[in-house]
Amino acid sequence: MRPLAVLALVLAMPMRAEAQSPIVIRAGEVLDGTGRALGPSTIVVRGSSIAELIASGSRQPTYDLSGLTVMPGGIDTHVHIASHFDPDGRVHRARDDSPESRESLALYVAENAYVTLQSGITTVQSMGARIDGPVRDAIARGVLPGPRLLTTYEWVTEGSEQQLRAAVRERVAAGADAVKIFASRSIREGGVPTLSQAQLSAACDEADRQGVRAIVHAHAAEAVMRAARAGCTTVEHGGLADGPALDAMAEAGVFYDPHTSLVIQNYLDNKERFLGVGNYTEEGFRQMEELLVGMRNVFALALQRPRLRIVFGTDALAGSHGRNWEELIYRVEVGGQAPMAAVVSATSLAAASLGLGDEIGTLAPGFDADLIAVEGNPAEDITALRRVIFVMKGGVVYRNDARSN
C-alpha cells in the first residue's frame, strides 16, 4: 500500500471527542449475538460502551438504521494480518534478503486491517508475526483504523519440552496475547503429527502458567486428540479429524476453529501467486483441493456434536482480507450450519474463545459498542453479511453508507 494512501486513511478517521454525547441508534432488527432476535430496538452508546438497549423509544436517533439489522461486529479468530502480495504479484516471502522494509510491511498490515474493519469484522486474532504488535498498539491508541487486534507472534514449532516452554515464555514476554503451537505439519505436507503428547502438553501447560491461551494447529486426528488431552484452548483446522477426535474436543471443552472454504479457495484462485514458494508445490495444491471436500465432511461431523464449541475463523491471508464473511456464508449454504448458530459462532462464542466473552461479541448494556448494520437479516439469509453498510467499533463509527442520520 502506498504511504500516501495510508495517510489518507488516518486523516479520514473519526475523531474522538473528549466529552462525547450519547449516540442513539434506531435498529429495525437486533441480533444480540447469543442467539436471540430482539426486534426493533433503540441502542444508546456512551463512550465506548453500550449503555442502554430498549425495545422502542421516542428519542431522536443519531443514526436511523430502522431498515437494517444491527448485530455485534464479527470476530475472526484466525487471520494472518501481515500476509500480502508483494509488488511483483507474488505472496510475500519473509526472508533475510527481502528488500521490503519493516515500515513497508507495516503499511501492508495497516491496509489489511482497514479493509477487514470495513467489511464488518471488528476483532481479529492474528497468527502471527512480530509486526502485528506495533500495529495492534496503534489501533488500540486510535491512531490507525482497524479491528481490535490480538496476536500470537510467530508459531511455536519444535524442540524439547524445555525448549518449547522457553519459546512460549519468550512470546509472552514479547507481548503476545496468546501462543500458537504447531502440532502437525501443514496439510500440504500430509498434516501428520509433529509433537508428542509430552511435548504438546508441556507447551500448553506453559501457556497456562503464563496466563495466555494455547492455540494448536492440528490436522491429523491424533494431533487433534493430543491437543484435547493437553488442555489447549482452541484447535485450528482439524482437516483430517474424525469422530473420536471431535468427541475428544467436545468432552475437553476445547474450542474448534475449522476452515471449510475461504482459505483453500483463495489459494486455488491465486495459485500462480503462491506456487513455488515454500511448500506451495503442485502436490501441495493437490492436497488442498482434496481438503475442500474433506473439510466439508469433517464440518458435517462436527455439527452433529452440539457440545462442540465451533467458532468462526478464516485463516485469512493475502487475497482474502476483507472477504472474511465468505467463510461463514459457505458454512451455512454448503456446510449445513443453521444461520443463527453461525452468527453466534462469529460473535459471542468467538469472544469466549478469546477470553473476552464479558467484553465483546454480545449486543447488551455493558459490552463494548462494536456494532454493524446489514441489509437483510443474517439469521434468515446469511448472505446479508455481504451487505454491511454501517460499522462501529468501540463507540466510533468507521463506516456509514446508510446516510440516514
Protein backbone atom coordinates (compact mmCIF):
# COMPACT_ATOMS: atom_id res chain seq x y z
CA MET A 1 0.00 0.00 0.00
CA ARG A 2 1.31 3.46 -0.86
CA PRO A 3 2.27 5.58 2.17
CA LEU A 4 0.02 8.42 0.99
CA ALA A 5 -2.92 6.02 0.86
CA VAL A 6 -2.36 5.04 4.47
CA LEU A 7 -2.03 8.70 5.42
CA ALA A 8 -5.38 9.35 3.75
CA LEU A 9 -6.93 6.57 5.85
CA VAL A 10 -5.57 8.08 9.03
CA LEU A 11 -6.75 11.59 8.14
CA ALA A 12 -10.20 10.22 7.36
CA MET A 13 -10.53 8.54 10.74
CA PRO A 14 -13.30 9.66 13.08
CA MET A 15 -12.10 11.91 15.85
CA ARG A 16 -12.82 11.06 19.46
CA ALA A 17 -14.41 13.87 21.38
CA GLU A 18 -13.22 14.47 24.91
CA ALA A 19 -16.78 14.66 26.21
CA GLN A 20 -18.78 12.55 23.79
CA SER A 21 -22.56 12.93 23.72
CA PRO A 22 -24.59 9.72 23.80
CA ILE A 23 -25.15 8.11 20.41
CA VAL A 24 -28.66 6.84 19.76
CA ILE A 25 -29.15 4.13 17.15
CA ARG A 26 -32.54 3.05 15.90
CA ALA A 27 -32.45 -0.52 14.57
CA GLY A 28 -35.10 -2.34 12.56
CA GLU A 29 -33.95 -5.68 13.95
CA VAL A 30 -31.33 -6.62 16.53
CA LEU A 31 -29.42 -9.89 16.79
CA ASP A 32 -27.76 -9.87 20.18
CA GLY A 33 -25.01 -12.39 19.34
CA THR A 34 -26.24 -15.04 21.79
CA GLY A 35 -28.93 -16.46 19.55
CA ARG A 36 -31.76 -14.02 20.23
CA ALA A 37 -33.55 -11.73 17.79
CA LEU A 38 -34.88 -8.75 19.73
CA GLY A 39 -36.94 -6.97 17.09
CA PRO A 40 -37.00 -3.19 16.54
CA SER A 41 -34.83 -1.57 19.20
CA THR A 42 -33.07 1.58 20.30
CA ILE A 43 -29.42 1.29 21.26
CA VAL A 44 -27.77 4.01 23.33
CA VAL A 45 -23.98 4.21 23.25
CA ARG A 46 -21.98 6.24 25.76
CA GLY A 47 -18.28 6.50 25.21
CA SER A 48 -17.05 3.12 24.02
CA SER A 49 -19.82 1.01 25.56
CA ILE A 50 -23.45 0.13 25.09
CA ALA A 51 -25.40 1.93 27.81
CA GLU A 52 -29.00 1.02 27.02
CA LEU A 53 -30.94 -1.36 24.82
CA ILE A 54 -34.67 -0.80 24.78
CA ALA A 55 -37.46 -2.32 22.71
CA SER A 56 -38.67 1.02 21.45
CA GLY A 57 -38.17 4.67 22.14
CA SER A 58 -39.05 8.14 21.00
CA ARG A 59 -35.56 9.61 21.27
CA GLN A 60 -34.23 11.29 18.16
CA PRO A 61 -31.70 8.87 16.66
CA THR A 62 -28.18 9.87 15.83
CA TYR A 63 -28.23 7.05 13.29
CA ASP A 64 -31.53 5.82 11.89
CA LEU A 65 -30.92 2.22 10.88
CA SER A 66 -34.59 1.24 11.13
CA GLY A 67 -34.49 -0.56 7.80
CA LEU A 68 -31.49 -2.67 8.78
CA THR A 69 -30.40 -5.49 11.08
CA VAL A 70 -27.91 -4.48 13.76
CA MET A 71 -25.68 -7.10 15.40
CA PRO A 72 -22.30 -7.31 17.13
CA GLY A 73 -19.28 -6.83 14.91
CA GLY A 74 -17.75 -10.01 13.57
CA ILE A 75 -14.89 -11.74 15.39
CA ASP A 76 -12.46 -13.69 13.22
CA THR A 77 -10.33 -15.86 15.49
CA HIS A 78 -7.70 -16.78 12.86
CA VAL A 79 -6.16 -14.40 10.35
CA HIS A 80 -2.67 -13.60 9.10
CA ILE A 81 -2.95 -9.84 9.05
CA ALA A 82 0.57 -9.31 7.68
CA SER A 83 0.16 -11.67 4.72
CA HIS A 84 0.10 -9.82 1.40
CA PHE A 85 1.18 -9.88 -2.21
CA ASP A 86 4.41 -8.06 -2.97
CA PRO A 87 4.74 -5.57 -5.84
CA ASP A 88 5.77 -8.50 -8.07
CA GLY A 89 2.34 -10.04 -7.54
CA ARG A 90 3.69 -12.96 -5.53
CA VAL A 91 2.91 -13.78 -1.93
CA HIS A 92 5.32 -12.06 0.43
CA ARG A 93 8.35 -14.16 1.29
CA ALA A 94 9.79 -13.37 4.71
CA ARG A 95 13.49 -13.93 4.18
CA ASP A 96 16.75 -12.33 5.20
CA ASP A 97 17.43 -10.88 1.75
CA SER A 98 13.95 -9.46 1.29
CA PRO A 99 14.12 -5.87 0.03
CA GLU A 100 10.95 -4.96 1.89
CA SER A 101 11.48 -2.70 4.88
CA ARG A 102 9.73 -3.09 8.20
CA GLU A 103 7.99 0.23 7.52
CA SER A 104 6.64 -1.02 4.20
CA LEU A 105 5.42 -4.22 5.84
CA ALA A 106 3.61 -2.18 8.49
CA LEU A 107 1.76 -0.32 5.74
CA TYR A 108 0.55 -3.58 4.23
CA VAL A 109 -0.67 -4.66 7.67
CA ALA A 110 -2.48 -1.34 8.07
CA GLU A 111 -4.17 -1.81 4.70
CA ASN A 112 -5.28 -5.34 5.56
CA ALA A 113 -6.61 -4.14 8.91
CA TYR A 114 -8.56 -1.34 7.29
CA VAL A 115 -10.33 -3.46 4.67
CA THR A 116 -11.11 -6.06 7.33
CA LEU A 117 -12.75 -3.46 9.58
CA GLN A 118 -14.72 -2.00 6.69
CA SER A 119 -16.17 -5.45 5.96
CA GLY A 120 -17.72 -5.60 9.43
CA ILE A 121 -15.08 -7.62 11.28
CA THR A 122 -14.31 -5.60 14.41
CA THR A 123 -11.95 -8.07 16.16
CA VAL A 124 -9.32 -10.40 14.74
CA GLN A 125 -6.70 -12.74 16.13
CA SER A 126 -3.57 -12.90 14.01
CA MET A 127 -1.24 -15.89 13.76
CA GLY A 128 1.25 -14.20 13.63
CA ALA A 129 4.30 -12.01 13.11
CA ARG A 130 6.22 -9.50 15.23
CA ILE A 131 4.93 -6.64 13.08
CA ASP A 132 1.46 -7.38 14.47
CA GLY A 133 2.46 -5.91 17.83
CA PRO A 134 3.08 -2.26 16.92
CA VAL A 135 0.09 -2.24 14.55
CA ARG A 136 -2.08 -3.72 17.31
CA ASP A 137 -0.93 -1.00 19.68
CA ALA A 138 -1.51 1.80 17.14
CA ILE A 139 -5.06 0.56 16.54
CA ALA A 140 -5.65 0.41 20.29
CA ARG A 141 -4.45 4.01 20.63
CA GLY A 142 -6.94 5.07 17.99
CA VAL A 143 -4.36 6.36 15.52
CA LEU A 144 -4.97 3.65 12.90
CA PRO A 145 -8.35 2.37 11.68
CA GLY A 146 -8.59 -1.36 12.13
CA PRO A 147 -10.26 -4.16 14.07
CA ARG A 148 -9.26 -4.90 17.63
CA LEU A 149 -6.14 -6.98 17.06
CA LEU A 150 -4.80 -9.85 19.13
CA THR A 151 -1.68 -11.70 18.06
CA THR A 152 0.33 -14.83 18.82
CA TYR A 153 3.51 -13.58 17.12
CA GLU A 154 5.48 -16.44 15.50
CA TRP A 155 4.39 -20.01 15.95
CA VAL A 156 5.98 -22.38 18.46
CA THR A 157 7.01 -25.32 16.31
CA GLU A 158 9.60 -27.75 17.67
CA GLY A 159 12.14 -28.60 20.35
CA SER A 160 12.42 -30.45 23.62
CA GLU A 161 9.83 -29.93 26.33
CA GLN A 162 12.12 -27.37 27.95
CA GLN A 163 12.74 -25.58 24.66
CA LEU A 164 9.02 -25.44 23.91
CA ARG A 165 8.34 -23.96 27.33
CA ALA A 166 11.08 -21.38 26.78
CA ALA A 167 9.61 -20.46 23.40
CA VAL A 168 6.19 -19.91 24.98
CA ARG A 169 7.71 -17.70 27.68
CA GLU A 170 9.59 -15.68 25.05
CA ARG A 171 6.41 -14.95 23.06
CA VAL A 172 4.56 -13.88 26.18
CA ALA A 173 7.43 -11.69 27.40
CA ALA A 174 7.49 -10.01 23.98
CA GLY A 175 3.81 -9.11 24.30
CA ALA A 176 1.89 -11.91 22.57
CA ASP A 177 -1.77 -12.19 23.56
CA ALA A 178 -1.74 -15.96 23.05
CA VAL A 179 0.58 -18.61 21.65
CA LYS A 180 0.12 -20.73 18.55
CA ILE A 181 1.64 -24.20 18.74
CA PHE A 182 2.25 -26.29 15.64
CA ALA A 183 1.28 -29.90 16.48
CA SER A 184 1.12 -31.22 12.93
CA ARG A 185 2.54 -30.49 9.54
CA SER A 186 0.74 -28.33 7.03
CA ILE A 187 -1.97 -30.10 5.05
CA ARG A 188 0.31 -29.56 2.04
CA GLU A 189 2.75 -31.92 3.75
CA GLY A 190 0.20 -34.50 4.84
CA GLY A 191 -0.84 -32.98 8.18
CA VAL A 192 0.91 -35.66 10.24
CA PRO A 193 1.63 -35.05 13.97
CA THR A 194 4.91 -33.30 14.76
CA LEU A 195 4.80 -33.04 18.57
CA SER A 196 4.48 -35.91 21.00
CA GLN A 197 1.85 -35.84 23.72
CA ALA A 198 4.52 -34.87 26.26
CA GLN A 199 5.83 -32.02 24.10
CA LEU A 200 2.38 -30.60 23.36
CA SER A 201 1.27 -30.94 26.98
CA ALA A 202 4.39 -29.07 28.11
CA ALA A 203 3.76 -26.19 25.69
CA CYS A 204 0.08 -25.88 26.60
CA ASP A 205 0.87 -26.12 30.30
CA GLU A 206 3.45 -23.34 30.00
CA ALA A 207 0.91 -21.14 28.23
CA ASP A 208 -1.48 -21.70 31.11
CA ARG A 209 1.25 -20.90 33.62
CA GLN A 210 1.93 -17.65 31.75
CA GLY A 211 -1.77 -16.74 31.74
CA VAL A 212 -2.32 -16.89 27.99
CA ARG A 213 -4.36 -19.12 25.70
CA ALA A 214 -2.83 -22.05 23.81
CA ILE A 215 -3.96 -22.31 20.19
CA VAL A 216 -2.96 -25.52 18.44
CA HIS A 217 -2.52 -26.08 14.71
CA ALA A 218 -3.58 -29.70 14.16
CA HIS A 219 -4.76 -31.57 11.07
CA ALA A 220 -4.30 -35.26 11.84
CA ALA A 221 -6.90 -36.85 14.10
CA GLU A 222 -4.17 -37.94 16.53
CA ALA A 223 -2.78 -34.39 16.71
CA VAL A 224 -6.28 -33.10 17.48
CA MET A 225 -6.71 -35.68 20.24
CA ARG A 226 -3.33 -34.79 21.73
CA ALA A 227 -4.36 -31.13 21.81
CA ALA A 228 -7.56 -32.01 23.64
CA ARG A 229 -5.66 -34.13 26.17
CA ALA A 230 -3.15 -31.31 26.64
CA GLY A 231 -5.89 -28.92 27.73
CA CYS A 232 -5.31 -26.39 24.98
CA THR A 233 -7.78 -23.58 24.39
CA THR A 234 -8.52 -23.96 20.69
CA VAL A 235 -7.76 -26.38 17.87
CA GLU A 236 -7.27 -24.85 14.44
CA HIS A 237 -8.09 -26.64 11.16
CA GLY A 238 -8.68 -30.28 12.09
CA GLY A 239 -8.70 -31.09 8.38
CA LEU A 240 -8.20 -34.83 8.97
CA ALA A 241 -10.20 -35.10 12.21
CA ASP A 242 -12.61 -37.96 12.75
CA GLY A 243 -15.49 -38.64 15.11
CA PRO A 244 -13.36 -39.65 18.12
CA ALA A 245 -11.14 -36.58 17.69
CA LEU A 246 -14.19 -34.30 17.56
CA ASP A 247 -15.63 -36.07 20.61
CA ALA A 248 -12.36 -35.54 22.47
CA MET A 249 -12.56 -31.79 21.85
CA ALA A 250 -16.19 -31.66 22.91
CA GLU A 251 -15.51 -33.57 26.13
CA ALA A 252 -12.49 -31.42 26.98
CA GLY A 253 -14.36 -28.17 26.34
CA VAL A 254 -11.88 -27.19 23.63
CA PHE A 255 -12.97 -24.60 21.08
CA TYR A 256 -12.81 -25.78 17.48
CA ASP A 257 -11.97 -23.45 14.60
CA PRO A 258 -12.43 -25.30 11.31
CA HIS A 259 -11.61 -23.66 7.99
CA THR A 260 -14.05 -25.06 5.50
CA SER A 261 -13.60 -23.00 2.36
CA LEU A 262 -12.20 -19.47 2.18
CA VAL A 263 -8.53 -20.17 2.75
CA ILE A 264 -8.35 -23.14 0.36
CA GLN A 265 -10.42 -21.45 -2.34
CA ASN A 266 -8.23 -18.37 -2.05
CA TYR A 267 -5.12 -20.49 -2.60
CA LEU A 268 -6.69 -22.12 -5.67
CA ASP A 269 -7.85 -18.79 -7.09
CA ASN A 270 -4.37 -17.30 -6.65
CA LYS A 271 -2.32 -20.40 -7.41
CA GLU A 272 0.18 -18.60 -9.63
CA ARG A 273 0.95 -16.17 -6.80
CA PHE A 274 1.80 -18.95 -4.31
CA LEU A 275 3.17 -21.78 -6.43
CA GLY A 276 6.89 -22.34 -5.92
CA VAL A 277 7.10 -20.56 -2.57
CA GLY A 278 7.99 -22.87 0.32
CA ASN A 279 5.66 -25.87 0.40
CA TYR A 280 3.30 -24.42 -2.18
CA THR A 281 4.02 -27.16 -4.69
CA GLU A 282 1.84 -28.93 -7.25
CA GLU A 283 1.47 -31.79 -4.78
CA GLY A 284 0.59 -29.33 -2.05
CA PHE A 285 -2.14 -27.83 -4.19
CA ARG A 286 -3.50 -31.31 -4.91
CA GLN A 287 -3.70 -31.92 -1.16
CA MET A 288 -5.56 -28.64 -0.68
CA GLU A 289 -8.07 -29.46 -3.41
CA GLU A 290 -8.83 -32.72 -1.62
CA LEU A 291 -9.21 -30.82 1.63
CA LEU A 292 -12.12 -28.79 0.21
CA VAL A 293 -14.19 -31.96 0.18
CA GLY A 294 -12.60 -33.40 3.29
CA MET A 295 -13.27 -30.31 5.42
CA ARG A 296 -16.90 -30.29 4.34
CA ASN A 297 -17.23 -33.84 5.65
CA VAL A 298 -15.40 -33.02 8.91
CA PHE A 299 -17.62 -29.97 9.42
CA ALA A 300 -20.74 -32.11 8.94
CA LEU A 301 -19.47 -34.46 11.64
CA ALA A 302 -18.70 -31.50 13.92
CA LEU A 303 -22.25 -30.15 13.58
CA GLN A 304 -23.57 -33.48 14.86
CA ARG A 305 -21.91 -32.76 18.21
CA PRO A 306 -23.90 -29.99 19.91
CA ARG A 307 -21.43 -29.78 22.82
CA LEU A 308 -18.55 -28.98 20.49
CA ARG A 309 -17.89 -25.24 20.56
CA ILE A 310 -17.34 -24.29 16.91
CA VAL A 311 -16.04 -20.75 16.44
CA PHE A 312 -15.51 -18.55 13.40
CA GLY A 313 -12.06 -18.27 11.90
CA THR A 314 -10.98 -17.92 8.29
CA ASP A 315 -7.19 -18.25 8.09
CA ALA A 316 -7.45 -15.06 6.00
CA LEU A 317 -4.22 -14.18 4.22
CA ALA A 318 -3.05 -12.46 1.06
CA GLY A 319 -6.01 -12.29 -1.31
CA SER A 320 -8.78 -12.85 1.22
CA HIS A 321 -8.58 -9.96 3.68
CA GLY A 322 -11.95 -8.20 3.74
CA ARG A 323 -13.77 -11.28 2.44
CA ASN A 324 -13.90 -12.99 5.83
CA TRP A 325 -17.67 -13.40 5.84
CA GLU A 326 -17.49 -15.73 2.82
CA GLU A 327 -16.30 -18.49 5.17
CA LEU A 328 -19.42 -18.15 7.32
CA ILE A 329 -21.70 -17.99 4.29
CA TYR A 330 -20.16 -21.22 2.98
CA ARG A 331 -20.64 -22.93 6.34
CA VAL A 332 -24.36 -22.22 6.13
CA GLU A 333 -25.07 -22.62 2.43
CA VAL A 334 -22.84 -25.65 1.79
CA GLY A 335 -21.88 -26.92 5.24
CA GLY A 336 -25.40 -27.01 6.63
CA GLN A 337 -24.94 -24.88 9.75
CA ALA A 338 -28.05 -23.02 10.94
CA PRO A 339 -27.75 -19.29 10.16
CA MET A 340 -28.31 -18.14 13.75
CA ALA A 341 -25.78 -20.66 15.05
CA ALA A 342 -23.30 -19.33 12.50
CA VAL A 343 -23.89 -15.76 13.72
CA VAL A 344 -23.31 -16.86 17.32
CA SER A 345 -20.09 -18.63 16.31
CA ALA A 346 -18.79 -15.33 14.92
CA THR A 347 -19.86 -13.17 17.86
CA SER A 348 -20.37 -14.28 21.47
CA LEU A 349 -18.83 -17.74 21.07
CA ALA A 350 -15.79 -16.38 19.26
CA ALA A 351 -15.41 -13.77 22.01
CA ALA A 352 -15.48 -16.51 24.65
CA SER A 353 -12.69 -18.36 22.84
CA LEU A 354 -10.55 -15.22 23.06
CA GLY A 355 -11.23 -14.81 26.77
CA LEU A 356 -13.26 -11.68 26.01
CA GLY A 357 -16.75 -13.05 26.47
CA ASP A 358 -17.62 -10.39 29.03
CA GLU A 359 -16.46 -7.52 26.82
CA ILE A 360 -17.31 -8.08 23.17
CA GLY A 361 -19.46 -10.27 20.93
CA THR A 362 -22.79 -9.52 22.60
CA LEU A 363 -25.12 -6.61 21.99
CA ALA A 364 -26.17 -5.73 25.53
CA PRO A 365 -25.57 -2.97 28.09
CA GLY A 366 -22.06 -3.00 29.48
CA PHE A 367 -20.43 -4.54 26.41
CA ASP A 368 -18.15 -2.67 24.04
CA ALA A 369 -20.06 -0.84 21.32
CA ASP A 370 -18.83 -2.96 18.41
CA LEU A 371 -21.82 -2.92 16.08
CA ILE A 372 -22.54 -3.48 12.42
CA ALA A 373 -25.69 -3.00 10.37
CA VAL A 374 -26.57 -5.03 7.29
CA GLU A 375 -29.25 -5.01 4.65
CA GLY A 376 -31.38 -8.08 5.35
CA ASN A 377 -31.29 -10.45 8.30
CA PRO A 378 -28.34 -12.87 8.59
CA ALA A 379 -30.39 -15.17 10.85
CA GLU A 380 -32.69 -15.77 7.88
CA ASP A 381 -30.37 -15.08 4.93
CA ILE A 382 -26.70 -15.44 5.79
CA THR A 383 -25.71 -13.63 2.58
CA ALA A 384 -26.89 -10.41 4.24
CA LEU A 385 -23.36 -10.32 5.68
CA ARG A 386 -22.18 -9.30 2.22
CA ARG A 387 -24.22 -6.12 2.60
CA VAL A 388 -22.58 -4.41 5.59
CA ILE A 389 -23.24 -0.67 5.41
CA PHE A 390 -22.53 0.53 8.96
CA VAL A 391 -19.56 -0.25 11.21
CA MET A 392 -18.95 0.98 14.75
CA LYS A 393 -16.07 -0.17 16.92
CA GLY A 394 -15.69 0.97 20.50
CA GLY A 395 -18.35 3.65 20.03
CA VAL A 396 -16.62 5.17 16.97
CA VAL A 397 -18.30 4.98 13.57
CA TYR A 398 -15.88 3.88 10.84
CA ARG A 399 -18.42 3.29 8.08
CA ASN A 400 -21.87 4.66 7.41
CA ASP A 401 -23.30 4.08 3.95
CA ALA A 402 -26.87 4.45 5.19
CA ARG A 403 -26.57 8.27 5.25
CA SER A 404 -29.90 8.50 7.04
CA ASN A 405 -28.63 10.26 10.14
